[in-house]
C-alpha atoms as a PDB file:
ATOM      1  CA  UNK A   1       0.100  -0.024  -0.002  1.00  0.00           C
ATOM      2  CA  UNK A   2       1.272   3.476  -0.873  1.00  0.00           C
ATOM      3  CA  UNK A   3       0.172   6.819   0.563  1.00  0.00           C
ATOM      4  CA  UNK A   4       1.395  10.204  -0.479  1.00  0.00           C
ATOM      5  CA  UNK A   5       1.237  13.890   0.325  1.00  0.00           C
ATOM      6  CA  UNK A   6       1.697  16.906  -1.952  1.00  0.00           C
ATOM      7  CA  UNK A   7       1.094  20.688  -1.531  1.00  0.00           C
ATOM      8  CA  UNK A   8       0.224  21.454  -5.101  1.00  0.00           C
ATOM      9  CA  UNK A   9      -0.098  25.257  -4.504  1.00  0.00           C
ATOM     10  CA  UNK A  10      -3.207  25.588  -6.732  1.00  0.00           C
ATOM     11  CA  UNK A  11      -4.911  22.478  -8.147  1.00  0.00           C
ATOM     12  CA  UNK A  12      -6.405  24.526 -10.970  1.00  0.00           C
ATOM     13  CA  UNK A  13      -2.812  25.251 -12.193  1.00  0.00           C
ATOM     14  CA  UNK A  14      -1.336  21.881 -11.344  1.00  0.00           C
ATOM     15  CA  UNK A  15      -4.195  19.427 -12.114  1.00  0.00           C
ATOM     16  CA  UNK A  16      -2.484  18.008 -15.219  1.00  0.00           C
ATOM     17  CA  UNK A  17       0.686  17.476 -13.265  1.00  0.00           C
ATOM     18  CA  UNK A  18      -1.127  15.613 -10.453  1.00  0.00           C
ATOM     19  CA  UNK A  19      -3.024  13.509 -12.991  1.00  0.00           C
ATOM     20  CA  UNK A  20       0.277  12.656 -14.726  1.00  0.00           C
ATOM     21  CA  UNK A  21       1.897  11.922 -11.441  1.00  0.00           C
ATOM     22  CA  UNK A  22      -0.880   9.562 -10.477  1.00  0.00           C
ATOM     23  CA  UNK A  23      -0.591   7.738 -13.759  1.00  0.00           C
ATOM     24  CA  UNK A  24       3.164   7.202 -13.139  1.00  0.00           C
ATOM     25  CA  UNK A  25       2.646   6.643  -9.304  1.00  0.00           C
ATOM     26  CA  UNK A  26      -0.651   4.918  -8.758  1.00  0.00           C
ATOM     27  CA  UNK A  27      -0.692   5.411  -5.036  1.00  0.00           C
ATOM     28  CA  UNK A  28      -3.620   4.029  -2.921  1.00  0.00           C
ATOM     29  CA  UNK A  29      -4.265   7.401  -1.326  1.00  0.00           C
ATOM     30  CA  UNK A  30      -2.983  10.997  -1.925  1.00  0.00           C
ATOM     31  CA  UNK A  31      -3.634  13.985   0.244  1.00  0.00           C
ATOM     32  CA  UNK A  32      -3.308  17.457  -1.317  1.00  0.00           C
ATOM     33  CA  UNK A  33      -2.838  20.897   0.248  1.00  0.00           C
ATOM     34  CA  UNK A  34      -3.315  24.372  -1.053  1.00  0.00           C
ATOM     35  CA  UNK A  35      -5.854  23.360  -3.627  1.00  0.00           C
ATOM     36  CA  UNK A  36      -7.091  26.930  -3.554  1.00  0.00           C
ATOM     37  CA  UNK A  37     -10.482  25.979  -4.947  1.00  0.00           C
ATOM     38  CA  UNK A  38     -14.060  26.414  -3.539  1.00  0.00           C
ATOM     39  CA  UNK A  39     -15.917  23.073  -3.519  1.00  0.00           C
ATOM     40  CA  UNK A  40     -18.032  23.928  -6.562  1.00  0.00           C
ATOM     41  CA  UNK A  41     -14.906  24.312  -8.607  1.00  0.00           C
ATOM     42  CA  UNK A  42     -13.209  21.232  -7.530  1.00  0.00           C
ATOM     43  CA  UNK A  43     -12.327  18.847 -10.532  1.00  0.00           C
ATOM     44  CA  UNK A  44     -14.079  15.850  -9.227  1.00  0.00           C
ATOM     45  CA  UNK A  45     -14.958  14.436 -12.692  1.00  0.00           C
ATOM     46  CA  UNK A  46     -11.342  14.588 -13.878  1.00  0.00           C
ATOM     47  CA  UNK A  47      -9.980  12.866 -10.651  1.00  0.00           C
ATOM     48  CA  UNK A  48     -12.730  10.162 -10.701  1.00  0.00           C
ATOM     49  CA  UNK A  49     -11.929   9.494 -14.396  1.00  0.00           C
ATOM     50  CA  UNK A  50      -8.380   8.711 -13.220  1.00  0.00           C
ATOM     51  CA  UNK A  51      -9.743   6.054 -10.996  1.00  0.00           C
ATOM     52  CA  UNK A  52      -9.838   7.846  -7.574  1.00  0.00           C
ATOM     53  CA  UNK A  53     -12.615   8.614  -5.215  1.00  0.00           C
ATOM     54  CA  UNK A  54     -12.219  12.012  -3.826  1.00  0.00           C
ATOM     55  CA  UNK A  55     -13.139  14.094  -0.634  1.00  0.00           C
ATOM     56  CA  UNK A  56     -12.383  17.710  -0.452  1.00  0.00           C
ATOM     57  CA  UNK A  57     -12.694  20.758   1.651  1.00  0.00           C
ATOM     58  CA  UNK A  58     -11.969  24.087   0.086  1.00  0.00           C
ATOM     59  CA  UNK A  59     -12.241  27.884   0.164  1.00  0.00           C
ATOM     60  CA  UNK A  60     -11.779  30.804  -2.145  1.00  0.00           C
ATOM     61  CA  UNK A  61      -8.195  31.735  -3.073  1.00  0.00           C
ATOM     62  CA  UNK A  62      -6.365  30.154   0.018  1.00  0.00           C
ATOM     63  CA  UNK A  63      -5.852  26.893   1.684  1.00  0.00           C
ATOM     64  CA  UNK A  64      -7.958  23.879   0.638  1.00  0.00           C
ATOM     65  CA  UNK A  65      -7.251  20.218   1.168  1.00  0.00           C
ATOM     66  CA  UNK A  66      -8.372  16.950  -0.619  1.00  0.00           C
ATOM     67  CA  UNK A  67      -8.076  13.146  -0.096  1.00  0.00           C
ATOM     68  CA  UNK A  68      -7.924  11.044  -3.211  1.00  0.00           C
ATOM     69  CA  UNK A  69      -8.252   7.320  -2.694  1.00  0.00           C
ATOM     70  CA  UNK A  70      -8.570   4.076  -4.738  1.00  0.00           C
ATOM     71  CA  UNK A  71     -11.304   2.888  -2.545  1.00  0.00           C
ATOM     72  CA  UNK A  72     -14.027   5.167  -1.216  1.00  0.00           C
ATOM     73  CA  UNK A  73     -13.262   6.925   1.932  1.00  0.00           C
ATOM     74  CA  UNK A  74     -15.341   6.383   5.074  1.00  0.00           C
ATOM     75  CA  UNK A  75     -16.171   8.506   7.979  1.00  0.00           C
ATOM     76  CA  UNK A  76     -14.829  11.744   6.565  1.00  0.00           C
ATOM     77  CA  UNK A  77     -13.906  14.643   8.762  1.00  0.00           C
ATOM     78  CA  UNK A  78     -13.302  18.283   7.612  1.00  0.00           C
ATOM     79  CA  UNK A  79     -11.262  20.376   9.906  1.00  0.00           C
ATOM     80  CA  UNK A  80     -10.546  19.821  13.554  1.00  0.00           C
ATOM     81  CA  UNK A  81     -13.736  19.061  15.383  1.00  0.00           C
ATOM     82  CA  UNK A  82     -14.387  21.534  18.103  1.00  0.00           C
ATOM     83  CA  UNK A  83     -11.888  24.132  16.906  1.00  0.00           C
ATOM     84  CA  UNK A  84     -13.667  27.091  15.344  1.00  0.00           C
ATOM     85  CA  UNK A  85     -11.728  27.681  12.046  1.00  0.00           C
ATOM     86  CA  UNK A  86     -12.841  29.469   8.816  1.00  0.00           C
ATOM     87  CA  UNK A  87      -9.785  28.105   6.959  1.00  0.00           C
ATOM     88  CA  UNK A  88      -9.985  24.833   5.181  1.00  0.00           C
ATOM     89  CA  UNK A  89      -6.956  22.881   6.550  1.00  0.00           C
ATOM     90  CA  UNK A  90      -7.822  19.277   7.497  1.00  0.00           C
ATOM     91  CA  UNK A  91      -9.528  16.381   5.768  1.00  0.00           C
ATOM     92  CA  UNK A  92      -9.458  12.855   7.447  1.00  0.00           C
ATOM     93  CA  UNK A  93     -11.066   9.571   6.500  1.00  0.00           C
ATOM     94  CA  UNK A  94     -10.609   5.856   6.672  1.00  0.00           C
ATOM     95  CA  UNK A  95      -9.231   4.214   3.526  1.00  0.00           C
ATOM     96  CA  UNK A  96      -8.259   0.765   2.353  1.00  0.00           C
ATOM     97  CA  UNK A  97      -5.957  -0.762  -0.130  1.00  0.00           C
ATOM     98  CA  UNK A  98      -7.532  -1.375  -3.538  1.00  0.00           C
ATOM     99  CA  UNK A  99      -8.174  -5.200  -4.094  1.00  0.00           C
ATOM    100  CA  UNK A 100      -7.512  -6.170  -0.392  1.00  0.00           C
ATOM    101  CA  UNK A 101      -9.756  -6.940   2.543  1.00  0.00           C
ATOM    102  CA  UNK A 102      -7.141  -5.625   5.036  1.00  0.00           C
ATOM    103  CA  UNK A 103      -7.977  -3.311   7.885  1.00  0.00           C
ATOM    104  CA  UNK A 104      -8.598   0.349   6.931  1.00  0.00           C
ATOM    105  CA  UNK A 105      -6.025   3.013   7.624  1.00  0.00           C
ATOM    106  CA  UNK A 106      -7.088   6.343   9.170  1.00  0.00           C
ATOM    107  CA  UNK A 107      -5.602   9.070   7.011  1.00  0.00           C
ATOM    108  CA  UNK A 108      -5.411  12.534   8.183  1.00  0.00           C
ATOM    109  CA  UNK A 109      -4.284  15.238   5.591  1.00  0.00           C
ATOM    110  CA  UNK A 110      -3.309  18.592   6.968  1.00  0.00           C
ATOM    111  CA  UNK A 111      -2.142  21.967   5.729  1.00  0.00           C
ATOM    112  CA  UNK A 112      -0.562  23.423   8.903  1.00  0.00           C
ATOM    113  CA  UNK A 113      -0.725  27.170   9.187  1.00  0.00           C
ATOM    114  CA  UNK A 114       2.458  28.942   7.988  1.00  0.00           C
ATOM    115  CA  UNK A 115       2.569  31.324  10.884  1.00  0.00           C
ATOM    116  CA  UNK A 116       4.255  34.273   8.955  1.00  0.00           C
ATOM    117  CA  UNK A 117       6.649  35.419  11.654  1.00  0.00           C
ATOM    118  CA  UNK A 118       7.124  34.473  15.346  1.00  0.00           C
ATOM    119  CA  UNK A 119       5.815  37.968  16.612  1.00  0.00           C
ATOM    120  CA  UNK A 120       2.596  37.915  14.498  1.00  0.00           C
ATOM    121  CA  UNK A 121      -0.984  37.199  15.173  1.00  0.00           C
ATOM    122  CA  UNK A 122      -0.881  34.495  12.419  1.00  0.00           C
ATOM    123  CA  UNK A 123       1.909  32.672  14.601  1.00  0.00           C
ATOM    124  CA  UNK A 124      -0.472  32.820  17.661  1.00  0.00           C
ATOM    125  CA  UNK A 125      -3.152  31.196  15.556  1.00  0.00           C
ATOM    126  CA  UNK A 126      -0.677  28.575  14.388  1.00  0.00           C
ATOM    127  CA  UNK A 127       0.026  27.777  18.154  1.00  0.00           C
ATOM    128  CA  UNK A 128      -3.673  27.537  18.949  1.00  0.00           C
ATOM    129  CA  UNK A 129      -4.144  25.363  15.762  1.00  0.00           C
ATOM    130  CA  UNK A 130      -1.445  23.008  16.707  1.00  0.00           C
ATOM    131  CA  UNK A 131      -2.669  22.536  20.228  1.00  0.00           C
ATOM    132  CA  UNK A 132      -6.171  21.638  18.849  1.00  0.00           C
ATOM    133  CA  UNK A 133      -4.618  19.389  16.308  1.00  0.00           C
ATOM    134  CA  UNK A 134      -2.675  17.449  18.870  1.00  0.00           C
ATOM    135  CA  UNK A 135      -5.584  16.825  21.169  1.00  0.00           C
ATOM    136  CA  UNK A 136      -7.792  15.612  18.244  1.00  0.00           C
ATOM    137  CA  UNK A 137      -4.965  13.456  16.893  1.00  0.00           C
ATOM    138  CA  UNK A 138      -4.611  11.899  20.259  1.00  0.00           C
ATOM    139  CA  UNK A 139      -8.336  10.963  20.273  1.00  0.00           C
ATOM    140  CA  UNK A 140      -8.224   9.703  16.715  1.00  0.00           C
ATOM    141  CA  UNK A 141      -5.124   7.468  17.605  1.00  0.00           C
ATOM    142  CA  UNK A 142      -7.101   5.945  20.378  1.00  0.00           C
ATOM    143  CA  UNK A 143      -9.925   5.142  18.175  1.00  0.00           C
ATOM    144  CA  UNK A 144      -7.849   4.293  15.048  1.00  0.00           C
ATOM    145  CA  UNK A 145      -4.391   3.040  16.066  1.00  0.00           C
ATOM    146  CA  UNK A 146      -3.600   2.351  12.286  1.00  0.00           C
ATOM    147  CA  UNK A 147      -3.328   6.171  11.667  1.00  0.00           C
ATOM    148  CA  UNK A 148      -1.230   8.235   9.256  1.00  0.00           C
ATOM    149  CA  UNK A 149      -0.954  12.000   9.707  1.00  0.00           C
ATOM    150  CA  UNK A 150       0.622  13.618   6.584  1.00  0.00           C
ATOM    151  CA  UNK A 151       0.822  16.972   4.894  1.00  0.00           C
ATOM    152  CA  UNK A 152       2.543  20.347   4.681  1.00  0.00           C
ATOM    153  CA  UNK A 153       3.525  20.787   8.301  1.00  0.00           C
ATOM    154  CA  UNK A 154       5.221  24.179   7.640  1.00  0.00           C
ATOM    155  CA  UNK A 155       7.865  23.051  10.303  1.00  0.00           C
ATOM    156  CA  UNK A 156      11.317  21.891   9.844  1.00  0.00           C
ATOM    157  CA  UNK A 157      11.705  19.552  12.912  1.00  0.00           C
ATOM    158  CA  UNK A 158      15.566  19.602  13.120  1.00  0.00           C
ATOM    159  CA  UNK A 159      18.612  21.576  11.821  1.00  0.00           C
ATOM    160  CA  UNK A 160      19.304  18.827   9.323  1.00  0.00           C
ATOM    161  CA  UNK A 161      15.980  19.623   7.748  1.00  0.00           C
ATOM    162  CA  UNK A 162      17.168  23.135   6.808  1.00  0.00           C
ATOM    163  CA  UNK A 163      19.797  24.047   4.202  1.00  0.00           C
ATOM    164  CA  UNK A 164      21.295  26.829   6.285  1.00  0.00           C
ATOM    165  CA  UNK A 165      20.417  26.263  10.089  1.00  0.00           C
ATOM    166  CA  UNK A 166      22.197  29.327  11.192  1.00  0.00           C
ATOM    167  CA  UNK A 167      20.404  31.716   8.828  1.00  0.00           C
ATOM    168  CA  UNK A 168      17.049  30.102   9.670  1.00  0.00           C
ATOM    169  CA  UNK A 169      17.421  29.946  13.535  1.00  0.00           C
ATOM    170  CA  UNK A 170      14.526  31.301  15.166  1.00  0.00           C
ATOM    171  CA  UNK A 171      12.851  32.026  11.876  1.00  0.00           C
ATOM    172  CA  UNK A 172       9.312  30.857  10.967  1.00  0.00           C
ATOM    173  CA  UNK A 173       9.140  27.029  10.378  1.00  0.00           C
ATOM    174  CA  UNK A 174      12.221  26.725  12.627  1.00  0.00           C
ATOM    175  CA  UNK A 175      11.261  28.328  15.917  1.00  0.00           C
ATOM    176  CA  UNK A 176      11.547  26.373  19.168  1.00  0.00           C
ATOM    177  CA  UNK A 177       7.827  26.594  19.722  1.00  0.00           C
ATOM    178  CA  UNK A 178       7.004  25.063  16.226  1.00  0.00           C
ATOM    179  CA  UNK A 179       9.563  22.332  16.737  1.00  0.00           C
ATOM    180  CA  UNK A 180       8.179  21.609  20.278  1.00  0.00           C
ATOM    181  CA  UNK A 181       4.699  21.060  18.748  1.00  0.00           C
ATOM    182  CA  UNK A 182       6.189  18.616  16.209  1.00  0.00           C
ATOM    183  CA  UNK A 183       7.818  16.658  19.041  1.00  0.00           C
ATOM    184  CA  UNK A 184       4.468  16.680  20.998  1.00  0.00           C
ATOM    185  CA  UNK A 185       2.968  14.933  17.872  1.00  0.00           C
ATOM    186  CA  UNK A 186       5.783  12.420  18.104  1.00  0.00           C
ATOM    187  CA  UNK A 187       5.073  12.083  21.783  1.00  0.00           C
ATOM    188  CA  UNK A 188       1.502  10.827  21.036  1.00  0.00           C
ATOM    189  CA  UNK A 189       3.198   7.680  19.673  1.00  0.00           C
ATOM    190  CA  UNK A 190       3.737   8.788  16.018  1.00  0.00           C
ATOM    191  CA  UNK A 191       6.957   8.305  14.096  1.00  0.00           C
ATOM    192  CA  UNK A 192       8.551  10.379  11.412  1.00  0.00           C
ATOM    193  CA  UNK A 193       8.492   7.633   8.606  1.00  0.00           C
ATOM    194  CA  UNK A 194      11.102   9.550   6.581  1.00  0.00           C
ATOM    195  CA  UNK A 195      13.677   9.178   9.420  1.00  0.00           C
ATOM    196  CA  UNK A 196      13.098   5.526   9.787  1.00  0.00           C
ATOM    197  CA  UNK A 197      15.463   5.091   6.884  1.00  0.00           C
ATOM    198  CA  UNK A 198      19.013   6.303   5.992  1.00  0.00           C
ATOM    199  CA  UNK A 199      18.469   9.348   3.699  1.00  0.00           C
ATOM    200  CA  UNK A 200      20.562  11.293   1.433  1.00  0.00           C
ATOM    201  CA  UNK A 201      22.014  14.462   3.076  1.00  0.00           C
ATOM    202  CA  UNK A 202      20.202  17.710   2.145  1.00  0.00           C
ATOM    203  CA  UNK A 203      16.872  16.057   1.417  1.00  0.00           C
ATOM    204  CA  UNK A 204      14.215  18.881   1.230  1.00  0.00           C
ATOM    205  CA  UNK A 205      10.534  18.835   0.252  1.00  0.00           C
ATOM    206  CA  UNK A 206      10.134  22.580  -0.475  1.00  0.00           C
ATOM    207  CA  UNK A 207      12.282  25.045  -2.337  1.00  0.00           C
ATOM    208  CA  UNK A 208      11.402  28.823  -2.672  1.00  0.00           C
ATOM    209  CA  UNK A 209      10.628  29.985  -6.224  1.00  0.00           C
ATOM    210  CA  UNK A 210      13.114  32.752  -5.727  1.00  0.00           C
ATOM    211  CA  UNK A 211      16.948  32.906  -6.008  1.00  0.00           C
ATOM    212  CA  UNK A 212      17.245  29.596  -7.918  1.00  0.00           C
ATOM    213  CA  UNK A 213      16.697  27.784  -4.724  1.00  0.00           C
ATOM    214  CA  UNK A 214      15.783  24.473  -6.469  1.00  0.00           C
ATOM    215  CA  UNK A 215      18.703  24.594  -8.779  1.00  0.00           C
ATOM    216  CA  UNK A 216      20.998  25.344  -5.776  1.00  0.00           C
ATOM    217  CA  UNK A 217      19.222  22.865  -3.603  1.00  0.00           C
ATOM    218  CA  UNK A 218      18.435  25.446  -1.003  1.00  0.00           C
ATOM    219  CA  UNK A 219      15.301  24.115   0.683  1.00  0.00           C
ATOM    220  CA  UNK A 220      13.566  22.826   3.810  1.00  0.00           C
ATOM    221  CA  UNK A 221      11.879  19.533   4.758  1.00  0.00           C
ATOM    222  CA  UNK A 222       8.642  20.674   5.851  1.00  0.00           C
ATOM    223  CA  UNK A 223       6.226  18.109   4.332  1.00  0.00           C
ATOM    224  CA  UNK A 224       5.894  14.897   6.452  1.00  0.00           C
ATOM    225  CA  UNK A 225       4.350  11.616   7.055  1.00  0.00           C
ATOM    226  CA  UNK A 226       3.900  10.431  10.575  1.00  0.00           C
ATOM    227  CA  UNK A 227       2.676   6.914  11.367  1.00  0.00           C
ATOM    228  CA  UNK A 228       1.164   5.403  14.401  1.00  0.00           C
ATOM    229  CA  UNK A 229       3.020   2.828  16.327  1.00  0.00           C
ATOM    230  CA  UNK A 230       0.580   0.013  15.070  1.00  0.00           C
ATOM    231  CA  UNK A 231       1.722   0.783  11.505  1.00  0.00           C
ATOM    232  CA  UNK A 232       5.473   1.211  12.163  1.00  0.00           C
ATOM    233  CA  UNK A 233       6.319  -2.488  11.551  1.00  0.00           C
ATOM    234  CA  UNK A 234       4.650  -2.221   8.138  1.00  0.00           C
ATOM    235  CA  UNK A 235       6.655   0.794   6.908  1.00  0.00           C
ATOM    236  CA  UNK A 236       8.853  -0.315   4.057  1.00  0.00           C
ATOM    237  CA  UNK A 237      10.022   3.081   2.561  1.00  0.00           C
ATOM    238  CA  UNK A 238       9.438   6.779   2.752  1.00  0.00           C
ATOM    239  CA  UNK A 239      10.796   9.030  -0.012  1.00  0.00           C
ATOM    240  CA  UNK A 240      10.679  12.569  -1.451  1.00  0.00           C
ATOM    241  CA  UNK A 241      10.010  12.558  -5.156  1.00  0.00           C
ATOM    242  CA  UNK A 242      11.789  15.695  -6.380  1.00  0.00           C
ATOM    243  CA  UNK A 243      10.876  15.028 -10.126  1.00  0.00           C
ATOM    244  CA  UNK A 244       7.688  17.004 -10.233  1.00  0.00           C
ATOM    245  CA  UNK A 245       9.751  20.058  -8.828  1.00  0.00           C
ATOM    246  CA  UNK A 246      11.439  20.046 -12.353  1.00  0.00           C
ATOM    247  CA  UNK A 247       8.145  20.483 -14.194  1.00  0.00           C
ATOM    248  CA  UNK A 248       7.236  23.629 -16.032  1.00  0.00           C
ATOM    249  CA  UNK A 249       5.249  25.769 -13.596  1.00  0.00           C
ATOM    250  CA  UNK A 250       5.748  23.425 -10.725  1.00  0.00           C
ATOM    251  CA  UNK A 251       4.599  23.577  -7.195  1.00  0.00           C
ATOM    252  CA  UNK A 252       7.238  24.744  -4.799  1.00  0.00           C
ATOM    253  CA  UNK A 253       6.708  21.468  -2.982  1.00  0.00           C
ATOM    254  CA  UNK A 254       7.504  17.886  -3.942  1.00  0.00           C
ATOM    255  CA  UNK A 255       5.432  14.793  -3.005  1.00  0.00           C
ATOM    256  CA  UNK A 256       6.389  12.589  -0.094  1.00  0.00           C
ATOM    257  CA  UNK A 257       5.427   8.972  -0.496  1.00  0.00           C
ATOM    258  CA  UNK A 258       5.092   6.153   2.146  1.00  0.00           C
ATOM    259  CA  UNK A 259       5.195   2.534   1.301  1.00  0.00           C
ATOM    260  CA  UNK A 260       3.509   0.012   3.644  1.00  0.00           C
ATOM    261  CA  UNK A 261       3.747  -3.801   3.534  1.00  0.00           C
ATOM    262  CA  UNK A 262       0.161  -4.105   4.778  1.00  0.00           C
END
């Protein structure tokens, strides 16, 4: 079974790239962030024609998340229950592997707030959002031990996840507060699937459009897949697929792919 996450930075612009990627990488489930579409504009027909059921939660211009799955999703949740939020940032559901009768996996796809700057109102919103997410994920883990939390976290958890740790020290994505929240999610019993394996140095999932950052490989690893302890023995691989970042008019993020022997 394969699961993936990708911040597409506008599905209206990147839909052909997503469909091409799925044709080449027929994952069982894919969560998208920054679809930037209202629900009435979502390209359901095109995605279903590619062989995927789809759940989505959008808003005009900003944010927006979706879950594409080979089998129909069950018990879908949009945004964090009990947390009043006008921003479309979370979609969760239970999905299974195509052609198997195995137990479902609870997938949560999330677009974590950026936070803008440590002294901003948006940073305070990010802190509140992260607290609410952790409490909800704890409850979800108790109900669904076979859980995967994945998406654009907008957090580089360690210095090795940043191309220039000195320059980024204390900056957004790298603040002690954000990193503490990431570790608090790990403390729930989740594990960073990417770090279960030896990885090439300077492995990033995001590169700024400016200053030839991708060509210079100046990026951050801020897109993550965390798996519950019940799934950890099944994790076979977790990789960042940099190829789509080379596309014409690419997203600034690359997909991250998890392989489970499940």
